[in-house]
Amino acid sequence: MHRSALAGFIIDCRVDSLPAAAEFWGAALGRGLRPSPAEEDAGYVPLESKEDGLHIEVQRVSHESRLHLDIVTDDVEAETRRLEDLGARRVQQVRDWWVLEAPTGHRFCVVPLRKGRFPNPPTVWP
């Protein structure tokens, strides 16, 4: 048994200035910026959380700009296998999460639960 839930959205931006992109999306969505000083977070700018519980980040990418969603889970491998059974395929492992591609061609990530609690009520899977 494992649990998973929608964690939020990542705004993939192919841009020269990640700070400018983050400023635009923060203002557009009414959320402040929470930049991280950590070196491994250099390509990401998280936006402030709200009561909706969604995690939203602006990310610098080399591919075309797009949105992708993150599914958070307490068992990344089990959730990844469940999604593969539905037709998704593994594309790339990044740190401790997987980038998957849906049968529709949409890419999304399966990420580990952090801080021990889900941002919204999870689904329990057998």
Protein backbone atom coordinates (compact mmCIF):
# COMPACT_ATOMS: atom_id res chain seq x y z
CA MET A 1 0.00 0.00 0.00
CA HIS A 2 1.17 3.52 -0.78
CA ARG A 3 -0.32 7.01 -1.10
CA SER A 4 -0.05 9.74 -3.71
CA ALA A 5 -1.54 13.16 -4.45
CA LEU A 6 -1.15 16.10 -6.78
CA ALA A 7 1.73 18.14 -5.38
CA GLY A 8 1.60 21.08 -7.74
CA PHE A 9 2.83 22.48 -11.02
CA ILE A 10 6.22 23.29 -12.45
CA ILE A 11 6.41 26.12 -14.98
CA ASP A 12 9.19 25.09 -17.38
CA CYS A 13 10.74 28.18 -18.96
CA ARG A 14 13.29 28.30 -21.74
CA VAL A 15 14.57 31.79 -20.93
CA ASP A 16 17.79 33.71 -20.39
CA SER A 17 16.59 35.25 -17.11
CA LEU A 18 15.05 32.83 -14.63
CA PRO A 19 14.52 35.63 -12.05
CA ALA A 20 12.50 37.66 -14.58
CA ALA A 21 10.40 34.61 -15.47
CA ALA A 22 9.81 33.88 -11.78
CA GLU A 23 8.84 37.50 -11.12
CA PHE A 24 6.27 37.37 -13.93
CA TRP A 25 4.69 34.08 -12.77
CA GLY A 26 4.76 35.11 -9.12
CA ALA A 27 2.92 38.33 -9.96
CA ALA A 28 0.54 36.56 -12.35
CA LEU A 29 -0.42 34.00 -9.70
CA GLY A 30 -0.36 36.38 -6.73
CA ARG A 31 2.49 34.56 -4.98
CA GLY A 32 5.80 35.85 -3.69
CA LEU A 33 9.12 34.23 -4.55
CA ARG A 34 11.07 31.86 -2.27
CA PRO A 35 14.47 31.53 -4.01
CA SER A 36 16.84 28.96 -2.54
CA PRO A 37 20.54 29.67 -1.91
CA ALA A 38 21.35 25.93 -2.31
CA GLU A 39 23.55 25.21 -5.34
CA GLU A 40 21.40 22.22 -6.43
CA ASP A 41 18.37 24.55 -6.61
CA ALA A 42 20.03 27.03 -9.01
CA GLY A 43 17.62 26.24 -11.87
CA TYR A 44 14.44 26.59 -9.79
CA VAL A 45 12.53 29.41 -8.08
CA PRO A 46 9.73 28.19 -5.79
CA LEU A 47 6.71 30.45 -5.35
CA GLU A 48 5.14 31.02 -1.94
CA SER A 49 2.62 28.44 -0.83
CA LYS A 50 -1.00 29.33 -0.20
CA GLU A 51 -3.88 27.61 1.54
CA ASP A 52 -4.50 25.59 -1.65
CA GLY A 53 -1.47 23.47 -0.68
CA LEU A 54 -0.04 23.48 -4.22
CA HIS A 55 3.70 23.61 -4.72
CA ILE A 56 4.53 25.80 -7.72
CA GLU A 57 8.03 26.39 -9.08
CA VAL A 58 9.47 28.20 -12.05
CA GLN A 59 12.23 26.11 -13.63
CA ARG A 60 14.83 26.92 -16.30
CA VAL A 61 14.84 24.28 -19.05
CA SER A 62 16.51 23.72 -22.44
CA HIS A 63 13.37 22.30 -24.11
CA GLU A 64 10.32 24.31 -25.18
CA SER A 65 8.48 26.15 -22.41
CA ARG A 66 5.55 24.17 -20.96
CA LEU A 67 3.81 23.24 -17.73
CA HIS A 68 4.19 19.90 -16.02
CA LEU A 69 2.68 18.52 -12.86
CA ASP A 70 4.25 16.70 -9.94
CA ILE A 71 2.67 13.75 -8.15
CA VAL A 72 3.93 13.38 -4.58
CA THR A 73 4.07 9.94 -2.98
CA ASP A 74 5.34 8.09 0.06
CA ASP A 75 6.74 5.35 -2.25
CA VAL A 76 8.26 6.66 -5.50
CA GLU A 77 8.98 3.21 -6.93
CA ALA A 78 5.50 1.81 -6.21
CA GLU A 79 3.79 4.89 -7.65
CA THR A 80 6.04 4.83 -10.72
CA ARG A 81 5.19 1.15 -11.32
CA ARG A 82 1.46 1.89 -10.86
CA LEU A 83 1.65 4.62 -13.48
CA GLU A 84 3.65 2.39 -15.84
CA ASP A 85 0.84 -0.18 -15.52
CA LEU A 86 -1.50 2.56 -16.76
CA GLY A 87 0.71 3.18 -19.80
CA ALA A 88 3.27 5.77 -18.66
CA ARG A 89 6.94 5.24 -19.41
CA ARG A 90 10.05 6.21 -17.47
CA VAL A 91 12.06 8.94 -19.15
CA GLN A 92 14.74 9.94 -16.66
CA GLN A 93 15.60 9.67 -13.00
CA VAL A 94 16.52 13.02 -11.43
CA ARG A 95 17.91 12.96 -7.90
CA ASP A 96 15.32 10.91 -5.99
CA TRP A 97 12.35 11.27 -8.38
CA TRP A 98 11.28 10.06 -11.83
CA VAL A 99 10.26 11.97 -14.94
CA LEU A 100 7.54 9.96 -16.70
CA GLU A 101 5.72 10.38 -19.98
CA ALA A 102 1.98 9.69 -20.20
CA PRO A 103 0.54 7.84 -23.19
CA THR A 104 -0.66 11.30 -24.32
CA GLY A 105 2.93 12.58 -24.54
CA HIS A 106 2.72 14.80 -21.45
CA ARG A 107 5.69 14.66 -19.11
CA PHE A 108 5.25 14.71 -15.35
CA CYS A 109 7.27 13.86 -12.25
CA VAL A 110 6.78 11.40 -9.39
CA VAL A 111 8.43 12.99 -6.37
CA PRO A 112 9.00 11.78 -2.80
CA LEU A 113 6.95 13.05 0.12
CA ARG A 114 8.89 15.67 2.06
CA LYS A 115 8.22 16.89 5.58
CA GLY A 116 5.95 13.90 6.23
CA ARG A 117 2.64 15.36 5.08
CA PHE A 118 0.75 15.60 1.84
CA PRO A 119 -0.26 19.02 0.49
CA ASN A 120 -3.84 17.74 0.05
CA PRO A 121 -5.65 14.49 0.83
CA PRO A 122 -3.87 11.58 -0.88
CA THR A 123 -5.33 8.56 -2.61
CA VAL A 124 -4.42 5.24 -0.96
CA TRP A 125 -3.38 2.59 -3.49
CA PRO A 126 -3.21 -1.17 -2.81
